[in-house]
Amino acid sequence: MFRSSNMKRQRLSCVYHGKTRPIGPQCYGIGSKGLERVRVHQVEGGKQREPLFYASDIENAMPVGTFNSPGPSYKRNDFAIVTIFAQL
């Protein structure tokens, strides 16, 4: 889901809370309540451009391309994710 030295940044199409959403994952880890969270950049749809999703609520994730840069509001070391496993 995230970029490493030999992987591309994958744009995904997924279903989140019943709606199909094209997303670019930005940061993944454990939130303050001990649940897995993913900060995403929503290409379209949704009220927020860079919401925090519960990883367990993401369904049918499929790669649909790549992206080159994070969303416009992206900041490393996301304060909402206490333990970060991967980030851009």
Protein backbone atom coordinates (compact mmCIF):
# COMPACT_ATOMS: atom_id res chain seq x y z
CA MET A 1 0.00 0.00 0.00
CA PHE A 2 2.94 2.33 0.61
CA ARG A 3 6.08 3.22 -1.23
CA SER A 4 9.30 1.44 -0.48
CA SER A 5 12.53 1.69 -2.43
CA ASN A 6 11.29 -0.71 -5.11
CA MET A 7 7.50 -0.13 -5.06
CA LYS A 8 5.28 2.51 -6.59
CA ARG A 9 2.69 4.46 -4.63
CA GLN A 10 -0.57 2.67 -5.41
CA ARG A 11 -3.81 4.56 -5.91
CA LEU A 12 -6.70 2.37 -4.77
CA SER A 13 -10.39 2.10 -5.39
CA CYS A 14 -12.20 0.88 -2.29
CA VAL A 15 -15.57 0.86 -0.60
CA TYR A 16 -15.72 2.76 2.68
CA HIS A 17 -18.99 3.00 4.60
CA GLY A 18 -20.95 1.92 1.55
CA LYS A 19 -19.41 4.37 -0.94
CA THR A 20 -16.80 3.70 -3.62
CA ARG A 21 -13.82 5.99 -3.10
CA PRO A 22 -10.62 6.46 -5.11
CA ILE A 23 -7.84 7.03 -2.56
CA GLY A 24 -4.11 7.45 -2.18
CA PRO A 25 -2.92 6.04 1.19
CA GLN A 26 -0.69 8.53 3.04
CA CYS A 27 -0.03 7.06 6.51
CA TYR A 28 -0.93 3.77 8.22
CA GLY A 29 -0.72 2.73 11.85
CA ILE A 30 -2.49 2.52 15.20
CA GLY A 31 -4.69 5.37 16.42
CA SER A 32 -5.18 6.56 20.00
CA LYS A 33 -7.98 4.01 20.60
CA GLY A 34 -5.75 1.09 19.59
CA LEU A 35 -7.36 0.55 16.17
CA GLU A 36 -5.65 0.48 12.77
CA ARG A 37 -6.09 3.77 10.92
CA VAL A 38 -5.19 4.97 7.43
CA ARG A 39 -4.84 8.63 6.45
CA VAL A 40 -5.88 8.86 2.81
CA HIS A 41 -6.08 11.45 0.10
CA GLN A 42 -9.52 11.14 -1.55
CA VAL A 43 -9.25 11.89 -5.21
CA GLU A 44 -13.00 12.52 -5.39
CA GLY A 45 -16.03 11.99 -3.20
CA GLY A 46 -16.37 12.46 0.52
CA LYS A 47 -16.53 15.72 2.45
CA GLN A 48 -12.85 15.76 3.43
CA ARG A 49 -9.89 15.53 1.06
CA GLU A 50 -7.60 13.79 3.59
CA PRO A 51 -9.74 11.90 6.10
CA LEU A 52 -8.67 9.26 8.58
CA PHE A 53 -10.23 5.87 7.78
CA TYR A 54 -10.57 2.83 10.03
CA ALA A 55 -8.57 0.13 8.22
CA SER A 56 -11.12 -2.54 9.19
CA ASP A 57 -13.88 -0.62 7.39
CA ILE A 58 -12.05 -0.49 4.04
CA GLU A 59 -13.54 -3.08 1.68
CA ASN A 60 -12.73 -4.34 -1.81
CA ALA A 61 -9.48 -2.38 -2.16
CA MET A 62 -8.11 -2.71 -5.68
CA PRO A 63 -5.09 -0.97 -7.24
CA VAL A 64 -6.15 1.41 -10.02
CA GLY A 65 -2.90 3.18 -10.78
CA THR A 66 -0.16 5.09 -9.08
CA PHE A 67 0.40 8.58 -7.74
CA ASN A 68 3.53 10.70 -7.51
CA SER A 69 2.99 13.04 -4.57
CA PRO A 70 0.99 13.13 -1.35
CA GLY A 71 -2.20 15.16 -0.92
CA PRO A 72 -1.81 18.93 -0.51
CA SER A 73 -2.31 18.88 3.29
CA TYR A 74 -0.16 15.83 4.01
CA LYS A 75 2.30 16.06 6.91
CA ARG A 76 4.68 13.30 7.96
CA ASN A 77 4.31 11.85 11.46
CA ASP A 78 0.52 12.25 11.50
CA PHE A 79 -0.52 13.30 15.02
CA ALA A 80 -3.70 11.17 14.85
CA ILE A 81 -1.70 7.96 14.41
CA VAL A 82 0.15 7.05 17.60
CA THR A 83 2.19 4.16 16.19
CA ILE A 84 3.10 4.57 12.51
CA PHE A 85 3.82 1.45 10.47
CA ALA A 86 4.23 3.15 7.08
CA GLN A 87 4.05 6.68 5.69
CA LEU A 88 5.01 8.64 2.60
